[in-house]
Amino acid sequence: MREIVLLRHAHAESPTAGQTDADRPLSAEGQAAAEAVGRWLVENGHVPDCVLLSPARRVRETAEAVLRVTGYVDQREEPEIYEATPGTLMEVADRYRECGRVMIVGHNPGLEQLAALLESGQSGDYRGMPPAGVAVLSLPATALLEPGVATLTNFWWP
């Protein structure tokens, strides 16, 4: 079996005048939530082997706070994760099939739609993923990512 861990970035500050969406930092609440995610991943045996992340500042800061707790692993910035559809996220994740447990740190609605698509086969079956929400999906080690191939084994948020 292999796992895909989906992590929505933690709570970010509202944009300031002239600031792009991609440059929004985590809030103090978001920083604390990201650290809590790291503790939860360790306590529940979901520490990733590699991390794929959006280039957005709030995502990078979320991943950094998580990895300070879990320990550092291979990290790859994947620009396609920013504003990605579930199909794009599946393509990105499939490039890292050799990772036993890959964590994708990104954005909604793509992440929650991907969780629904992999688990139920329907991307419209999602129910929401709060900031710093974590969805853990298990699938056969040799399986290609496709609708309905995975089982949602854990869902948590701080």
N, C-alpha and C. Protein backbone atom coordinates (compact mmCIF):
# COMPACT_ATOMS: atom_id res chain seq x y z
N MET A 1 0.85 -1.19 0.00
CA MET A 1 0.00 0.00 0.00
C MET A 1 0.89 1.24 0.00
N ARG A 2 0.36 2.30 -0.57
CA ARG A 2 1.01 3.60 -0.47
C ARG A 2 -0.04 4.61 -0.04
N GLU A 3 0.43 5.76 0.40
CA GLU A 3 -0.48 6.79 0.89
C GLU A 3 -0.23 8.11 0.18
N ILE A 4 -1.33 8.83 0.02
CA ILE A 4 -1.26 10.21 -0.43
C ILE A 4 -1.88 11.04 0.70
N VAL A 5 -1.10 11.95 1.20
CA VAL A 5 -1.55 12.84 2.27
C VAL A 5 -1.80 14.20 1.63
N LEU A 6 -3.02 14.68 1.73
CA LEU A 6 -3.37 15.99 1.19
C LEU A 6 -3.48 16.96 2.35
N LEU A 7 -2.76 18.05 2.27
CA LEU A 7 -2.76 19.07 3.32
C LEU A 7 -3.10 20.41 2.72
N ARG A 8 -4.21 20.96 3.16
CA ARG A 8 -4.53 22.33 2.75
C ARG A 8 -3.69 23.27 3.60
N HIS A 9 -3.17 24.33 2.97
CA HIS A 9 -2.36 25.29 3.72
C HIS A 9 -3.13 25.80 4.93
N ALA A 10 -2.41 26.19 5.94
CA ALA A 10 -3.01 26.73 7.16
C ALA A 10 -3.51 28.15 6.92
N HIS A 11 -4.17 28.70 7.92
CA HIS A 11 -4.79 30.02 7.81
C HIS A 11 -3.77 31.09 7.45
N ALA A 12 -4.10 31.88 6.45
CA ALA A 12 -3.20 32.94 5.97
C ALA A 12 -3.78 34.31 6.29
N GLU A 13 -2.89 35.28 6.30
CA GLU A 13 -3.30 36.68 6.47
C GLU A 13 -4.10 37.12 5.25
N SER A 14 -4.97 38.08 5.44
CA SER A 14 -5.67 38.69 4.31
C SER A 14 -4.66 39.48 3.50
N PRO A 15 -4.88 39.60 2.19
CA PRO A 15 -3.90 40.35 1.39
C PRO A 15 -3.89 41.83 1.77
N THR A 16 -2.72 42.40 1.72
CA THR A 16 -2.59 43.85 1.94
C THR A 16 -2.63 44.54 0.58
N ALA A 17 -2.74 45.85 0.58
CA ALA A 17 -2.80 46.60 -0.67
C ALA A 17 -1.58 46.30 -1.53
N GLY A 18 -1.82 45.91 -2.75
CA GLY A 18 -0.74 45.64 -3.69
C GLY A 18 -0.10 44.27 -3.56
N GLN A 19 -0.52 43.47 -2.59
CA GLN A 19 0.07 42.15 -2.39
C GLN A 19 -0.66 41.12 -3.24
N THR A 20 0.08 40.26 -3.89
CA THR A 20 -0.56 39.21 -4.68
C THR A 20 -1.05 38.10 -3.77
N ASP A 21 -1.99 37.33 -4.27
CA ASP A 21 -2.51 36.20 -3.50
C ASP A 21 -1.40 35.23 -3.15
N ALA A 22 -0.49 34.99 -4.07
CA ALA A 22 0.60 34.03 -3.85
C ALA A 22 1.57 34.48 -2.77
N ASP A 23 1.60 35.76 -2.44
CA ASP A 23 2.54 36.29 -1.44
C ASP A 23 1.96 36.40 -0.04
N ARG A 24 0.75 35.92 0.19
CA ARG A 24 0.14 36.01 1.51
C ARG A 24 0.83 35.07 2.50
N PRO A 25 1.27 35.60 3.66
CA PRO A 25 1.92 34.75 4.67
C PRO A 25 0.89 34.08 5.58
N LEU A 26 1.37 33.10 6.34
CA LEU A 26 0.52 32.50 7.36
C LEU A 26 0.27 33.50 8.47
N SER A 27 -0.88 33.38 9.10
CA SER A 27 -1.17 34.14 10.31
C SER A 27 -0.55 33.40 11.49
N ALA A 28 -0.55 34.02 12.65
CA ALA A 28 -0.05 33.35 13.86
C ALA A 28 -0.88 32.09 14.13
N GLU A 29 -2.18 32.18 13.92
CA GLU A 29 -3.07 31.02 14.07
C GLU A 29 -2.67 29.91 13.09
N GLY A 30 -2.36 30.30 11.87
CA GLY A 30 -1.95 29.33 10.85
C GLY A 30 -0.64 28.66 11.20
N GLN A 31 0.29 29.41 11.73
CA GLN A 31 1.58 28.85 12.12
C GLN A 31 1.38 27.78 13.20
N ALA A 32 0.56 28.09 14.20
CA ALA A 32 0.29 27.13 15.28
C ALA A 32 -0.44 25.90 14.74
N ALA A 33 -1.37 26.10 13.82
CA ALA A 33 -2.12 24.97 13.25
C ALA A 33 -1.19 24.07 12.44
N ALA A 34 -0.27 24.65 11.69
CA ALA A 34 0.67 23.86 10.89
C ALA A 34 1.56 23.00 11.80
N GLU A 35 1.99 23.55 12.91
CA GLU A 35 2.79 22.78 13.87
C GLU A 35 1.96 21.64 14.45
N ALA A 36 0.68 21.91 14.71
CA ALA A 36 -0.22 20.86 15.21
C ALA A 36 -0.38 19.74 14.18
N VAL A 37 -0.43 20.10 12.91
CA VAL A 37 -0.50 19.08 11.84
C VAL A 37 0.74 18.19 11.91
N GLY A 38 1.90 18.79 12.07
CA GLY A 38 3.13 18.01 12.17
C GLY A 38 3.07 17.00 13.32
N ARG A 39 2.59 17.45 14.46
CA ARG A 39 2.47 16.55 15.63
C ARG A 39 1.48 15.42 15.32
N TRP A 40 0.36 15.78 14.70
CA TRP A 40 -0.66 14.77 14.36
C TRP A 40 -0.10 13.74 13.38
N LEU A 41 0.64 14.20 12.38
CA LEU A 41 1.22 13.26 11.41
C LEU A 41 2.16 12.27 12.10
N VAL A 42 2.98 12.77 13.02
CA VAL A 42 3.90 11.90 13.75
C VAL A 42 3.12 10.92 14.62
N GLU A 43 2.17 11.43 15.40
CA GLU A 43 1.41 10.59 16.33
C GLU A 43 0.60 9.52 15.63
N ASN A 44 0.19 9.76 14.38
CA ASN A 44 -0.68 8.83 13.66
C ASN A 44 0.03 8.05 12.56
N GLY A 45 1.36 8.16 12.51
CA GLY A 45 2.14 7.37 11.57
C GLY A 45 1.98 7.76 10.11
N HIS A 46 1.79 9.05 9.85
CA HIS A 46 1.60 9.53 8.48
C HIS A 46 2.71 10.49 8.04
N VAL A 47 3.90 10.36 8.59
CA VAL A 47 5.01 11.24 8.21
C VAL A 47 5.36 10.96 6.74
N PRO A 48 5.40 12.00 5.91
CA PRO A 48 5.64 11.78 4.48
C PRO A 48 7.09 11.41 4.16
N ASP A 49 7.25 10.72 3.03
CA ASP A 49 8.57 10.43 2.47
C ASP A 49 9.03 11.55 1.56
N CYS A 50 8.08 12.23 0.93
CA CYS A 50 8.39 13.39 0.10
C CYS A 50 7.19 14.34 0.14
N VAL A 51 7.48 15.62 -0.10
CA VAL A 51 6.46 16.66 -0.02
C VAL A 51 6.45 17.44 -1.33
N LEU A 52 5.26 17.57 -1.90
CA LEU A 52 5.07 18.37 -3.11
C LEU A 52 4.27 19.60 -2.71
N LEU A 53 4.74 20.77 -3.11
CA LEU A 53 4.05 21.96 -2.65
C LEU A 53 3.90 23.01 -3.73
N SER A 54 2.86 23.78 -3.56
CA SER A 54 2.59 24.94 -4.39
C SER A 54 3.64 26.00 -4.08
N PRO A 55 3.93 26.89 -5.02
CA PRO A 55 4.90 27.95 -4.75
C PRO A 55 4.36 29.09 -3.89
N ALA A 56 3.08 29.07 -3.55
CA ALA A 56 2.51 30.15 -2.75
C ALA A 56 3.19 30.22 -1.38
N ARG A 57 3.42 31.43 -0.91
CA ARG A 57 4.12 31.64 0.37
C ARG A 57 3.43 30.91 1.53
N ARG A 58 2.11 30.98 1.62
CA ARG A 58 1.40 30.36 2.73
C ARG A 58 1.55 28.84 2.70
N VAL A 59 1.71 28.27 1.52
CA VAL A 59 1.93 26.83 1.40
C VAL A 59 3.36 26.48 1.84
N ARG A 60 4.32 27.24 1.38
CA ARG A 60 5.72 26.99 1.76
C ARG A 60 5.88 27.12 3.28
N GLU A 61 5.24 28.14 3.87
CA GLU A 61 5.33 28.32 5.32
C GLU A 61 4.62 27.21 6.08
N THR A 62 3.50 26.71 5.55
CA THR A 62 2.80 25.58 6.17
C THR A 62 3.70 24.35 6.16
N ALA A 63 4.27 24.05 4.99
CA ALA A 63 5.15 22.87 4.87
C ALA A 63 6.35 22.99 5.79
N GLU A 64 6.94 24.16 5.87
CA GLU A 64 8.11 24.37 6.73
C GLU A 64 7.77 24.10 8.19
N ALA A 65 6.62 24.62 8.65
CA ALA A 65 6.22 24.42 10.05
C ALA A 65 5.94 22.94 10.34
N VAL A 66 5.32 22.25 9.39
CA VAL A 66 5.04 20.82 9.55
C VAL A 66 6.35 20.04 9.63
N LEU A 67 7.26 20.31 8.69
CA LEU A 67 8.50 19.55 8.61
C LEU A 67 9.46 19.83 9.77
N ARG A 68 9.34 21.00 10.39
CA ARG A 68 10.14 21.25 11.59
C ARG A 68 9.78 20.25 12.68
N VAL A 69 8.53 19.79 12.68
CA VAL A 69 8.06 18.84 13.68
C VAL A 69 8.32 17.40 13.24
N THR A 70 8.03 17.08 11.98
CA THR A 70 8.12 15.69 11.52
C THR A 70 9.53 15.27 11.15
N GLY A 71 10.36 16.25 10.84
CA GLY A 71 11.69 15.97 10.29
C GLY A 71 11.65 16.28 8.80
N TYR A 72 12.77 16.74 8.29
CA TYR A 72 12.82 17.18 6.90
C TYR A 72 12.97 16.00 5.96
N VAL A 73 12.24 16.06 4.87
CA VAL A 73 12.30 15.06 3.80
C VAL A 73 12.42 15.81 2.47
N ASP A 74 12.54 15.06 1.40
CA ASP A 74 12.62 15.64 0.07
C ASP A 74 11.40 16.52 -0.20
N GLN A 75 11.64 17.76 -0.62
CA GLN A 75 10.57 18.69 -0.94
C GLN A 75 10.71 19.14 -2.38
N ARG A 76 9.59 19.18 -3.09
CA ARG A 76 9.59 19.62 -4.48
C ARG A 76 8.50 20.65 -4.69
N GLU A 77 8.91 21.84 -5.12
CA GLU A 77 7.93 22.86 -5.46
C GLU A 77 7.40 22.53 -6.85
N GLU A 78 6.10 22.40 -6.96
CA GLU A 78 5.43 22.08 -8.22
C GLU A 78 4.46 23.21 -8.54
N PRO A 79 4.83 24.11 -9.45
CA PRO A 79 3.98 25.27 -9.76
C PRO A 79 2.56 24.91 -10.16
N GLU A 80 2.34 23.72 -10.75
CA GLU A 80 0.99 23.35 -11.18
C GLU A 80 0.02 23.18 -10.02
N ILE A 81 0.53 22.98 -8.81
CA ILE A 81 -0.35 22.77 -7.66
C ILE A 81 -1.15 24.03 -7.34
N TYR A 82 -0.59 25.19 -7.63
CA TYR A 82 -1.31 26.44 -7.35
C TYR A 82 -2.52 26.52 -8.29
N GLU A 83 -3.71 26.62 -7.72
CA GLU A 83 -4.98 26.70 -8.46
C GLU A 83 -5.23 25.47 -9.33
N ALA A 84 -4.77 24.30 -8.91
CA ALA A 84 -4.88 23.07 -9.70
C ALA A 84 -6.26 22.44 -9.60
N THR A 85 -6.62 21.76 -10.69
CA THR A 85 -7.81 20.92 -10.71
C THR A 85 -7.43 19.55 -10.15
N PRO A 86 -8.41 18.73 -9.82
CA PRO A 86 -8.09 17.39 -9.35
C PRO A 86 -7.27 16.59 -10.38
N GLY A 87 -7.58 16.74 -11.65
CA GLY A 87 -6.83 16.04 -12.69
C GLY A 87 -5.37 16.44 -12.72
N THR A 88 -5.10 17.72 -12.59
CA THR A 88 -3.71 18.19 -12.56
C THR A 88 -2.99 17.67 -11.32
N LEU A 89 -3.67 17.67 -10.19
CA LEU A 89 -3.06 17.16 -8.96
C LEU A 89 -2.75 15.66 -9.07
N MET A 90 -3.62 14.91 -9.74
CA MET A 90 -3.34 13.48 -9.94
C MET A 90 -2.12 13.30 -10.83
N GLU A 91 -1.99 14.11 -11.87
CA GLU A 91 -0.82 14.02 -12.75
C GLU A 91 0.47 14.31 -11.98
N VAL A 92 0.43 15.35 -11.15
CA VAL A 92 1.61 15.70 -10.35
C VAL A 92 1.96 14.56 -9.40
N ALA A 93 0.97 14.05 -8.67
CA ALA A 93 1.22 12.97 -7.71
C ALA A 93 1.73 11.71 -8.39
N ASP A 94 1.21 11.40 -9.57
CA ASP A 94 1.64 10.19 -10.28
C ASP A 94 3.12 10.25 -10.69
N ARG A 95 3.67 11.45 -10.81
CA ARG A 95 5.10 11.56 -11.13
C ARG A 95 5.97 11.13 -9.96
N TYR A 96 5.38 10.98 -8.79
CA TYR A 96 6.13 10.62 -7.58
C TYR A 96 5.63 9.29 -7.01
N ARG A 97 5.28 8.37 -7.87
CA ARG A 97 4.75 7.07 -7.44
C ARG A 97 5.76 6.29 -6.61
N GLU A 98 7.07 6.58 -6.78
CA GLU A 98 8.09 5.83 -6.03
C GLU A 98 8.09 6.21 -4.55
N CYS A 99 7.48 7.31 -4.20
CA CYS A 99 7.37 7.71 -2.79
C CYS A 99 6.28 6.87 -2.13
N GLY A 100 6.62 6.20 -1.05
CA GLY A 100 5.62 5.39 -0.36
C GLY A 100 4.50 6.24 0.23
N ARG A 101 4.86 7.40 0.74
CA ARG A 101 3.87 8.31 1.31
C ARG A 101 4.22 9.72 0.83
N VAL A 102 3.45 10.20 -0.11
CA VAL A 102 3.67 11.54 -0.66
C VAL A 102 2.64 12.49 -0.05
N MET A 103 3.09 13.67 0.32
CA MET A 103 2.19 14.69 0.85
C MET A 103 2.14 15.84 -0.14
N ILE A 104 0.92 16.22 -0.50
CA ILE A 104 0.72 17.38 -1.37
C ILE A 104 0.18 18.50 -0.50
N VAL A 105 0.88 19.62 -0.49
CA VAL A 105 0.45 20.79 0.28
C VAL A 105 -0.01 21.82 -0.74
N GLY A 106 -1.28 22.19 -0.65
CA GLY A 106 -1.83 23.08 -1.66
C GLY A 106 -3.09 23.80 -1.21
N HIS A 107 -4.03 23.89 -2.14
CA HIS A 107 -5.16 24.81 -2.01
C HIS A 107 -6.50 24.10 -2.28
N ASN A 108 -7.53 24.72 -1.82
CA ASN A 108 -8.89 24.33 -2.18
C ASN A 108 -9.36 25.18 -3.34
N PRO A 109 -10.30 24.75 -4.14
CA PRO A 109 -11.06 23.52 -3.96
C PRO A 109 -10.38 22.27 -4.51
N GLY A 110 -9.24 22.41 -5.15
CA GLY A 110 -8.58 21.28 -5.79
C GLY A 110 -8.32 20.11 -4.87
N LEU A 111 -7.80 20.37 -3.65
CA LEU A 111 -7.46 19.27 -2.74
C LEU A 111 -8.69 18.51 -2.28
N GLU A 112 -9.74 19.22 -1.88
CA GLU A 112 -10.92 18.51 -1.40
C GLU A 112 -11.61 17.78 -2.53
N GLN A 113 -11.56 18.33 -3.74
CA GLN A 113 -12.14 17.63 -4.89
C GLN A 113 -11.32 16.40 -5.25
N LEU A 114 -10.00 16.49 -5.11
CA LEU A 114 -9.14 15.34 -5.37
C LEU A 114 -9.42 14.23 -4.36
N ALA A 115 -9.55 14.56 -3.10
CA ALA A 115 -9.86 13.55 -2.08
C ALA A 115 -11.16 12.83 -2.43
N ALA A 116 -12.18 13.58 -2.79
CA ALA A 116 -13.46 12.97 -3.16
C ALA A 116 -13.33 12.11 -4.41
N LEU A 117 -12.63 12.61 -5.41
CA LEU A 117 -12.48 11.88 -6.67
C LEU A 117 -11.74 10.56 -6.47
N LEU A 118 -10.64 10.59 -5.73
CA LEU A 118 -9.87 9.36 -5.50
C LEU A 118 -10.64 8.36 -4.65
N GLU A 119 -11.44 8.86 -3.71
CA GLU A 119 -12.15 7.97 -2.80
C GLU A 119 -13.48 7.47 -3.39
N SER A 120 -14.29 8.36 -3.90
CA SER A 120 -15.63 7.97 -4.35
C SER A 120 -15.78 7.89 -5.86
N GLY A 121 -14.83 8.46 -6.58
CA GLY A 121 -14.95 8.51 -8.03
C GLY A 121 -15.68 9.73 -8.54
N GLN A 122 -16.15 10.58 -7.62
CA GLN A 122 -16.91 11.77 -7.98
C GLN A 122 -16.29 13.01 -7.34
N SER A 123 -15.82 13.95 -8.14
CA SER A 123 -15.19 15.14 -7.55
C SER A 123 -16.20 16.06 -6.90
N GLY A 124 -17.48 15.91 -7.19
CA GLY A 124 -18.51 16.74 -6.57
C GLY A 124 -18.95 16.25 -5.21
N ASP A 125 -18.39 15.12 -4.74
CA ASP A 125 -18.79 14.54 -3.46
C ASP A 125 -18.04 15.13 -2.27
N TYR A 126 -17.25 16.17 -2.49
CA TYR A 126 -16.46 16.71 -1.38
C TYR A 126 -17.35 17.42 -0.37
N ARG A 127 -16.86 17.53 0.85
CA ARG A 127 -17.63 18.15 1.92
C ARG A 127 -16.90 19.28 2.60
N GLY A 128 -15.79 19.67 2.04
CA GLY A 128 -15.04 20.77 2.62
C GLY A 128 -13.78 20.32 3.30
N MET A 129 -12.79 21.18 3.23
CA MET A 129 -11.50 20.91 3.86
C MET A 129 -11.04 22.23 4.46
N PRO A 130 -11.08 22.34 5.78
CA PRO A 130 -10.72 23.60 6.42
C PRO A 130 -9.22 23.89 6.30
N PRO A 131 -8.81 25.12 6.56
CA PRO A 131 -7.38 25.41 6.58
C PRO A 131 -6.65 24.45 7.52
N ALA A 132 -5.52 23.93 7.07
CA ALA A 132 -4.70 22.95 7.78
C ALA A 132 -5.39 21.59 7.88
N GLY A 133 -6.42 21.38 7.08
CA GLY A 133 -7.09 20.08 7.03
C GLY A 133 -6.20 19.05 6.34
N VAL A 134 -6.25 17.81 6.84
CA VAL A 134 -5.44 16.72 6.32
C VAL A 134 -6.36 15.57 5.92
N ALA A 135 -6.19 15.09 4.69
CA ALA A 135 -6.89 13.90 4.23
C ALA A 135 -5.82 12.87 3.87
N VAL A 136 -5.96 11.66 4.41
CA VAL A 136 -5.01 10.59 4.12
C VAL A 136 -5.74 9.53 3.31
N LEU A 137 -5.19 9.23 2.14
CA LEU A 137 -5.78 8.24 1.24
C LEU A 137 -4.80 7.09 1.04
N SER A 138 -5.30 5.86 1.10
CA SER A 138 -4.48 4.67 0.88
C SER A 138 -4.90 4.03 -0.43
N LEU A 139 -3.92 3.47 -1.14
CA LEU A 139 -4.19 2.79 -2.39
C LEU A 139 -3.13 1.73 -2.63
N PRO A 140 -3.43 0.76 -3.48
CA PRO A 140 -2.43 -0.27 -3.77
C PRO A 140 -1.15 0.36 -4.31
N ALA A 141 -0.02 -0.21 -3.94
CA ALA A 141 1.28 0.35 -4.31
C ALA A 141 1.46 0.48 -5.81
N THR A 142 0.90 -0.42 -6.58
CA THR A 142 1.11 -0.41 -8.03
C THR A 142 0.01 0.32 -8.79
N ALA A 143 -1.01 0.79 -8.09
CA ALA A 143 -2.16 1.40 -8.77
C ALA A 143 -1.83 2.77 -9.34
N LEU A 144 -2.34 3.02 -10.53
CA LEU A 144 -2.29 4.36 -11.10
C LEU A 144 -3.38 5.18 -10.43
N LEU A 145 -3.18 6.48 -10.34
CA LEU A 145 -4.21 7.32 -9.76
C LEU A 145 -5.35 7.47 -10.76
N GLU A 146 -6.52 7.12 -10.30
CA GLU A 146 -7.72 7.25 -11.10
C GLU A 146 -8.91 7.34 -10.16
N PRO A 147 -10.05 7.80 -10.66
CA PRO A 147 -11.22 7.94 -9.79
C PRO A 147 -11.58 6.63 -9.09
N GLY A 148 -11.83 6.73 -7.79
CA GLY A 148 -12.27 5.61 -6.98
C GLY A 148 -11.21 4.61 -6.57
N VAL A 149 -9.93 4.88 -6.82
CA VAL A 149 -8.86 3.91 -6.56
C VAL A 149 -8.43 3.87 -5.09
N ALA A 150 -8.75 4.90 -4.33
CA ALA A 150 -8.22 5.02 -2.96
C ALA A 150 -9.30 4.91 -1.91
N THR A 151 -8.84 4.69 -0.69
CA THR A 151 -9.72 4.68 0.48
C THR A 151 -9.30 5.82 1.40
N LEU A 152 -10.24 6.63 1.80
CA LEU A 152 -9.96 7.69 2.77
C LEU A 152 -9.80 7.02 4.13
N THR A 153 -8.57 7.04 4.66
CA THR A 153 -8.29 6.34 5.92
C THR A 153 -8.22 7.26 7.12
N ASN A 154 -8.06 8.55 6.88
CA ASN A 154 -7.99 9.50 7.98
C ASN A 154 -8.32 10.89 7.47
N PHE A 155 -8.98 11.67 8.31
CA PHE A 155 -9.27 13.07 8.00
C PHE A 155 -9.21 13.82 9.31
N TRP A 156 -8.44 14.92 9.33
CA TRP A 156 -8.24 15.64 10.59
C TRP A 156 -7.93 17.10 10.30
N TRP A 157 -8.25 17.96 11.24
CA TRP A 157 -7.82 19.36 11.20
C TRP A 157 -7.70 19.85 12.63
N PRO A 158 -6.80 20.84 12.84
CA PRO A 158 -6.58 21.34 14.20
C PRO A 158 -7.75 22.18 14.71
